Amino acid sequence: MTRTDPILPTASRAPSQCAPGEGPAMARCLLERLEERRGEQAASGNRSELLERFGSEVAGATILLGYSLAAKEGLKERIETSAPVVIFEVPHADWIEPMAKAIVAVLKPSLQECDQEHEISSAYLPGPIIIAPGTGGRQYDSDNIFRTARALREHRALIGVTTGSPPLLPSKLLRACEERLVVGSFDAHAVELLIEHIVGST
């Protein structure tokens, strides 16, 4: 019997695979970028939109993202400068949306980093295209299939955010996947970082 299911790369786990200090350092770096994005949006967006886009859940996801990226040397730079296909497997379905928002906020170029000769709205800045499971957990969501094809066609980083096995993502994304990272849960250091980010001290 021929196997037709995509064979995904062996997953990297975080934060246990990080060298001492690497995970927190990456998380702090991404939290700083999250604050920069908040500042960029503060003038144009309303307060409720800011809280939704940059609230505590997104900050927590940003910390876990930092630990995950630190577990795979050079992956953050590859996402920002080339077109890898990466899957982040979060510990629970409730983390899918905050993680997707965190990835967009901290790994997408800012307006200042883009060519200012053209007027580009923030919705169309170059950066990774994020794919999450379809509505109701369906794998074959037509919008996700279209966006996956667009990322591959435009040579942009393509990132799937999912949970469970098998991942409920488009088959093209699964076949093209180069890196798969299992996002870890919070440990004491991650909790301290989140508290420090929200209230200003631990």
C-alpha atoms as a PDB file:
ATOM      1  CA  MET A   1       0.000   0.000   0.000  1.00  0.00           C
ATOM      2  CA  THR A   2       1.408   3.354  -1.070  1.00  0.00           C
ATOM      3  CA  ARG A   3       1.554   6.105   1.545  1.00  0.00           C
ATOM      4  CA  THR A   4       0.039   9.355   0.291  1.00  0.00           C
ATOM      5  CA  ASP A   5       0.045  11.375   3.510  1.00  0.00           C
ATOM      6  CA  PRO A   6       2.673  14.142   3.698  1.00  0.00           C
ATOM      7  CA  ILE A   7       5.672  13.209   5.815  1.00  0.00           C
ATOM      8  CA  LEU A   8       6.371  16.159   8.071  1.00  0.00           C
ATOM      9  CA  PRO A   9       9.864  17.012   9.342  1.00  0.00           C
ATOM     10  CA  THR A  10      10.744  15.937  12.848  1.00  0.00           C
ATOM     11  CA  ALA A  11       9.504  18.584  15.241  1.00  0.00           C
ATOM     12  CA  SER A  12      11.765  20.860  17.254  1.00  0.00           C
ATOM     13  CA  ARG A  13      10.552  21.361  20.808  1.00  0.00           C
ATOM     14  CA  ALA A  14      10.788  24.475  22.942  1.00  0.00           C
ATOM     15  CA  PRO A  15      11.901  25.674  25.394  1.00  0.00           C
ATOM     16  CA  SER A  16      13.818  22.560  26.510  1.00  0.00           C
ATOM     17  CA  GLN A  17      16.109  22.533  23.457  1.00  0.00           C
ATOM     18  CA  CYS A  18      17.235  26.133  23.936  1.00  0.00           C
ATOM     19  CA  ALA A  19      20.624  26.852  25.401  1.00  0.00           C
ATOM     20  CA  PRO A  20      20.466  28.700  28.749  1.00  0.00           C
ATOM     21  CA  GLY A  21      19.303  32.255  28.150  1.00  0.00           C
ATOM     22  CA  GLU A  22      18.488  31.881  24.447  1.00  0.00           C
ATOM     23  CA  GLY A  23      14.735  31.432  24.826  1.00  0.00           C
ATOM     24  CA  PRO A  24      14.198  34.395  27.189  1.00  0.00           C
ATOM     25  CA  ALA A  25      16.468  36.603  25.076  1.00  0.00           C
ATOM     26  CA  MET A  26      14.503  35.831  21.902  1.00  0.00           C
ATOM     27  CA  ALA A  27      11.205  36.299  23.736  1.00  0.00           C
ATOM     28  CA  ARG A  28      12.330  39.715  25.022  1.00  0.00           C
ATOM     29  CA  CYS A  29      13.394  40.715  21.518  1.00  0.00           C
ATOM     30  CA  LEU A  30       9.981  39.793  20.119  1.00  0.00           C
ATOM     31  CA  LEU A  31       8.152  41.547  22.971  1.00  0.00           C
ATOM     32  CA  GLU A  32      10.079  44.733  22.150  1.00  0.00           C
ATOM     33  CA  ARG A  33       8.979  44.396  18.541  1.00  0.00           C
ATOM     34  CA  LEU A  34       5.388  43.832  19.693  1.00  0.00           C
ATOM     35  CA  GLU A  35       5.557  47.120  21.591  1.00  0.00           C
ATOM     36  CA  GLU A  36       6.928  48.852  18.500  1.00  0.00           C
ATOM     37  CA  ARG A  37       3.979  47.559  16.492  1.00  0.00           C
ATOM     38  CA  ARG A  38       1.595  48.744  19.207  1.00  0.00           C
ATOM     39  CA  GLY A  39       3.132  52.209  18.967  1.00  0.00           C
ATOM     40  CA  GLU A  40       2.792  52.233  15.179  1.00  0.00           C
ATOM     41  CA  GLN A  41      -0.897  51.380  15.432  1.00  0.00           C
ATOM     42  CA  ALA A  42      -1.731  53.628  18.404  1.00  0.00           C
ATOM     43  CA  ALA A  43      -2.231  56.779  16.336  1.00  0.00           C
ATOM     44  CA  SER A  44      -4.515  55.244  13.720  1.00  0.00           C
ATOM     45  CA  GLY A  45      -6.326  52.461  15.608  1.00  0.00           C
ATOM     46  CA  ASN A  46      -8.905  52.690  18.356  1.00  0.00           C
ATOM     47  CA  ARG A  47      -8.180  51.416  21.861  1.00  0.00           C
ATOM     48  CA  SER A  48     -10.391  48.330  21.657  1.00  0.00           C
ATOM     49  CA  GLU A  49      -8.665  47.242  18.450  1.00  0.00           C
ATOM     50  CA  LEU A  50      -5.251  47.709  20.074  1.00  0.00           C
ATOM     51  CA  LEU A  51      -6.262  45.608  23.080  1.00  0.00           C
ATOM     52  CA  GLU A  52      -7.467  42.834  20.790  1.00  0.00           C
ATOM     53  CA  ARG A  53      -4.395  42.861  18.552  1.00  0.00           C
ATOM     54  CA  PHE A  54      -1.765  43.371  21.250  1.00  0.00           C
ATOM     55  CA  GLY A  55      -3.394  42.100  24.451  1.00  0.00           C
ATOM     56  CA  SER A  56      -2.087  39.707  27.076  1.00  0.00           C
ATOM     57  CA  GLU A  57      -2.951  36.566  25.073  1.00  0.00           C
ATOM     58  CA  VAL A  58      -0.933  37.823  22.099  1.00  0.00           C
ATOM     59  CA  ALA A  59       1.923  38.805  24.426  1.00  0.00           C
ATOM     60  CA  GLY A  60       1.875  35.289  25.892  1.00  0.00           C
ATOM     61  CA  ALA A  61       1.903  33.764  22.415  1.00  0.00           C
ATOM     62  CA  THR A  62       4.812  36.052  21.501  1.00  0.00           C
ATOM     63  CA  ILE A  63       6.820  34.679  24.425  1.00  0.00           C
ATOM     64  CA  LEU A  64       6.121  31.071  23.416  1.00  0.00           C
ATOM     65  CA  LEU A  65       6.985  31.980  19.822  1.00  0.00           C
ATOM     66  CA  GLY A  66      10.311  33.374  21.027  1.00  0.00           C
ATOM     67  CA  TYR A  67      11.166  30.143  22.825  1.00  0.00           C
ATOM     68  CA  SER A  68      10.223  28.127  19.736  1.00  0.00           C
ATOM     69  CA  LEU A  69      12.305  30.231  17.356  1.00  0.00           C
ATOM     70  CA  ALA A  70      15.289  30.083  19.721  1.00  0.00           C
ATOM     71  CA  ALA A  71      15.137  26.281  19.511  1.00  0.00           C
ATOM     72  CA  LYS A  72      15.896  26.451  15.773  1.00  0.00           C
ATOM     73  CA  GLU A  73      18.942  28.581  15.027  1.00  0.00           C
ATOM     74  CA  GLY A  74      18.514  31.017  12.153  1.00  0.00           C
ATOM     75  CA  LEU A  75      14.815  30.313  11.576  1.00  0.00           C
ATOM     76  CA  LYS A  76      13.643  33.809  12.551  1.00  0.00           C
ATOM     77  CA  GLU A  77      16.032  35.345  10.036  1.00  0.00           C
ATOM     78  CA  ARG A  78      14.928  32.890   7.338  1.00  0.00           C
ATOM     79  CA  ILE A  79      11.267  33.779   7.885  1.00  0.00           C
ATOM     80  CA  GLU A  80      12.104  37.487   7.628  1.00  0.00           C
ATOM     81  CA  THR A  81      14.404  37.285   4.595  1.00  0.00           C
ATOM     82  CA  SER A  82      13.426  34.246   2.541  1.00  0.00           C
ATOM     83  CA  ALA A  83      10.474  31.922   1.987  1.00  0.00           C
ATOM     84  CA  PRO A  84      10.548  28.893   4.276  1.00  0.00           C
ATOM     85  CA  VAL A  85       7.432  26.812   4.898  1.00  0.00           C
ATOM     86  CA  VAL A  86       7.027  26.327   8.644  1.00  0.00           C
ATOM     87  CA  ILE A  87       4.400  24.763  10.895  1.00  0.00           C
ATOM     88  CA  PHE A  88       3.984  25.823  14.525  1.00  0.00           C
ATOM     89  CA  GLU A  89       2.054  23.240  16.532  1.00  0.00           C
ATOM     90  CA  VAL A  90       0.494  24.936  19.553  1.00  0.00           C
ATOM     91  CA  PRO A  91      -0.488  23.045  22.731  1.00  0.00           C
ATOM     92  CA  HIS A  92      -4.217  23.793  22.490  1.00  0.00           C
ATOM     93  CA  ALA A  93      -6.686  25.108  19.909  1.00  0.00           C
ATOM     94  CA  ASP A  94      -7.223  28.246  22.016  1.00  0.00           C
ATOM     95  CA  TRP A  95      -3.614  29.248  21.199  1.00  0.00           C
ATOM     96  CA  ILE A  96      -4.072  29.187  17.403  1.00  0.00           C
ATOM     97  CA  GLU A  97      -5.526  32.679  17.007  1.00  0.00           C
ATOM     98  CA  PRO A  98      -3.200  34.454  19.498  1.00  0.00           C
ATOM     99  CA  MET A  99      -0.178  32.736  17.926  1.00  0.00           C
ATOM    100  CA  ALA A 100      -1.241  33.761  14.420  1.00  0.00           C
ATOM    101  CA  LYS A 101      -1.648  37.367  15.599  1.00  0.00           C
ATOM    102  CA  ALA A 102       1.738  37.273  17.323  1.00  0.00           C
ATOM    103  CA  ILE A 103       3.487  35.982  14.190  1.00  0.00           C
ATOM    104  CA  VAL A 104       1.932  38.704  12.044  1.00  0.00           C
ATOM    105  CA  ALA A 105       2.827  41.401  14.591  1.00  0.00           C
ATOM    106  CA  VAL A 106       6.472  40.502  15.211  1.00  0.00           C
ATOM    107  CA  LEU A 107       7.619  38.857  11.966  1.00  0.00           C
ATOM    108  CA  LYS A 108       5.984  41.192   9.446  1.00  0.00           C
ATOM    109  CA  PRO A 109       7.991  44.257   8.328  1.00  0.00           C
ATOM    110  CA  SER A 110       6.933  47.625   9.679  1.00  0.00           C
ATOM    111  CA  LEU A 111       5.992  50.527   7.431  1.00  0.00           C
ATOM    112  CA  GLN A 112       9.379  52.111   8.202  1.00  0.00           C
ATOM    113  CA  GLU A 113      11.186  48.973   7.023  1.00  0.00           C
ATOM    114  CA  CYS A 114       9.409  48.954   3.649  1.00  0.00           C
ATOM    115  CA  ASP A 115      10.017  50.994   0.523  1.00  0.00           C
ATOM    116  CA  GLN A 116       8.407  54.351   1.206  1.00  0.00           C
ATOM    117  CA  GLU A 117       8.297  55.298  -2.478  1.00  0.00           C
ATOM    118  CA  HIS A 118       4.947  53.531  -2.672  1.00  0.00           C
ATOM    119  CA  GLU A 119       1.953  54.075  -0.452  1.00  0.00           C
ATOM    120  CA  ILE A 120       1.266  50.649   1.026  1.00  0.00           C
ATOM    121  CA  SER A 121      -1.376  49.920   3.616  1.00  0.00           C
ATOM    122  CA  SER A 122      -0.293  47.753   6.545  1.00  0.00           C
ATOM    123  CA  ALA A 123      -2.590  44.960   5.321  1.00  0.00           C
ATOM    124  CA  TYR A 124      -0.475  44.535   2.171  1.00  0.00           C
ATOM    125  CA  LEU A 125       3.027  44.741   3.599  1.00  0.00           C
ATOM    126  CA  PRO A 126       5.337  41.949   2.480  1.00  0.00           C
ATOM    127  CA  GLY A 127       5.776  39.293   5.118  1.00  0.00           C
ATOM    128  CA  PRO A 128       4.743  35.766   6.015  1.00  0.00           C
ATOM    129  CA  ILE A 129       1.338  34.442   5.052  1.00  0.00           C
ATOM    130  CA  ILE A 130      -0.309  32.712   8.005  1.00  0.00           C
ATOM    131  CA  ILE A 131      -2.583  29.692   7.597  1.00  0.00           C
ATOM    132  CA  ALA A 132      -4.737  28.249  10.382  1.00  0.00           C
ATOM    133  CA  PRO A 133      -7.323  25.433  10.327  1.00  0.00           C
ATOM    134  CA  GLY A 134     -10.481  26.221   8.395  1.00  0.00           C
ATOM    135  CA  THR A 135     -13.808  27.154   9.914  1.00  0.00           C
ATOM    136  CA  GLY A 136     -15.071  24.396  12.167  1.00  0.00           C
ATOM    137  CA  GLY A 137     -11.714  22.622  12.044  1.00  0.00           C
ATOM    138  CA  ARG A 138     -12.037  21.836   8.338  1.00  0.00           C
ATOM    139  CA  GLN A 139      -8.791  21.086   6.538  1.00  0.00           C
ATOM    140  CA  TYR A 140      -9.843  22.205   3.084  1.00  0.00           C
ATOM    141  CA  ASP A 141     -10.851  25.814   3.575  1.00  0.00           C
ATOM    142  CA  SER A 142     -10.936  27.485   0.149  1.00  0.00           C
ATOM    143  CA  ASP A 143      -9.439  30.756   1.416  1.00  0.00           C
ATOM    144  CA  ASN A 144      -6.530  28.920   3.057  1.00  0.00           C
ATOM    145  CA  ILE A 145      -5.884  26.941  -0.128  1.00  0.00           C
ATOM    146  CA  PHE A 146      -5.844  30.183  -2.153  1.00  0.00           C
ATOM    147  CA  ARG A 147      -3.517  31.925   0.320  1.00  0.00           C
ATOM    148  CA  THR A 148      -1.178  28.921   0.423  1.00  0.00           C
ATOM    149  CA  ALA A 149      -0.886  28.974  -3.366  1.00  0.00           C
ATOM    150  CA  ARG A 150      -0.303  32.730  -3.256  1.00  0.00           C
ATOM    151  CA  ALA A 151       2.562  32.397  -0.765  1.00  0.00           C
ATOM    152  CA  LEU A 152       4.261  29.717  -2.874  1.00  0.00           C
ATOM    153  CA  ARG A 153       3.714  31.716  -6.065  1.00  0.00           C
ATOM    154  CA  GLU A 154       5.022  34.981  -4.590  1.00  0.00           C
ATOM    155  CA  HIS A 155       7.942  33.276  -2.830  1.00  0.00           C
ATOM    156  CA  ARG A 156       6.843  34.460   0.605  1.00  0.00           C
ATOM    157  CA  ALA A 157       7.274  32.733   3.937  1.00  0.00           C
ATOM    158  CA  LEU A 158       4.335  30.408   4.572  1.00  0.00           C
ATOM    159  CA  ILE A 159       3.482  29.588   8.180  1.00  0.00           C
ATOM    160  CA  GLY A 160       0.857  27.135   9.370  1.00  0.00           C
ATOM    161  CA  VAL A 161      -0.461  27.362  12.930  1.00  0.00           C
ATOM    162  CA  THR A 162      -2.313  24.288  14.111  1.00  0.00           C
ATOM    163  CA  THR A 163      -2.734  21.735  16.843  1.00  0.00           C
ATOM    164  CA  GLY A 164      -3.275  18.009  16.968  1.00  0.00           C
ATOM    165  CA  SER A 165      -2.356  15.274  14.557  1.00  0.00           C
ATOM    166  CA  PRO A 166      -2.720  15.286  11.642  1.00  0.00           C
ATOM    167  CA  PRO A 167      -2.448  19.071  11.290  1.00  0.00           C
ATOM    168  CA  LEU A 168      -5.643  20.512   9.746  1.00  0.00           C
ATOM    169  CA  LEU A 169      -3.827  22.506   7.077  1.00  0.00           C
ATOM    170  CA  PRO A 170      -3.865  22.527   3.248  1.00  0.00           C
ATOM    171  CA  SER A 171      -2.097  19.538   1.703  1.00  0.00           C
ATOM    172  CA  LYS A 172       0.232  21.786  -0.349  1.00  0.00           C
ATOM    173  CA  LEU A 173       1.482  23.400   2.848  1.00  0.00           C
ATOM    174  CA  LEU A 174       2.004  20.018   4.515  1.00  0.00           C
ATOM    175  CA  ARG A 175       3.936  18.668   1.518  1.00  0.00           C
ATOM    176  CA  ALA A 176       6.145  21.778   1.294  1.00  0.00           C
ATOM    177  CA  CYS A 177       6.806  22.013   5.056  1.00  0.00           C
ATOM    178  CA  GLU A 178      10.517  22.398   5.857  1.00  0.00           C
ATOM    179  CA  GLU A 179      10.374  22.996   9.611  1.00  0.00           C
ATOM    180  CA  ARG A 180       7.877  21.902  12.248  1.00  0.00           C
ATOM    181  CA  LEU A 181       8.124  23.285  15.767  1.00  0.00           C
ATOM    182  CA  VAL A 182       6.078  22.100  18.735  1.00  0.00           C
ATOM    183  CA  VAL A 183       5.335  25.156  20.872  1.00  0.00           C
ATOM    184  CA  GLY A 184       5.919  24.437  24.556  1.00  0.00           C
ATOM    185  CA  SER A 185       3.775  25.485  27.502  1.00  0.00           C
ATOM    186  CA  PHE A 186       4.641  28.201  29.991  1.00  0.00           C
ATOM    187  CA  ASP A 187       7.412  27.590  32.490  1.00  0.00           C
ATOM    188  CA  ALA A 188       8.305  29.831  35.436  1.00  0.00           C
ATOM    189  CA  HIS A 189      10.628  32.055  33.373  1.00  0.00           C
ATOM    190  CA  ALA A 190       8.004  32.566  30.665  1.00  0.00           C
ATOM    191  CA  VAL A 191       5.412  33.526  33.282  1.00  0.00           C
ATOM    192  CA  GLU A 192       7.850  36.072  34.751  1.00  0.00           C
ATOM    193  CA  LEU A 193       8.400  37.572  31.303  1.00  0.00           C
ATOM    194  CA  LEU A 194       4.662  37.885  30.720  1.00  0.00           C
ATOM    195  CA  ILE A 195       4.061  39.525  34.104  1.00  0.00           C
ATOM    196  CA  GLU A 196       6.965  41.899  33.551  1.00  0.00           C
ATOM    197  CA  HIS A 197       5.629  42.827  30.105  1.00  0.00           C
ATOM    198  CA  ILE A 198       2.097  43.504  31.348  1.00  0.00           C
ATOM    199  CA  VAL A 199       2.712  45.227  34.690  1.00  0.00           C
ATOM    200  CA  GLY A 200       6.246  46.510  34.261  1.00  0.00           C
ATOM    201  CA  SER A 201       7.964  44.389  36.906  1.00  0.00           C
ATOM    202  CA  THR A 202       7.994  40.871  38.368  1.00  0.00           C
END
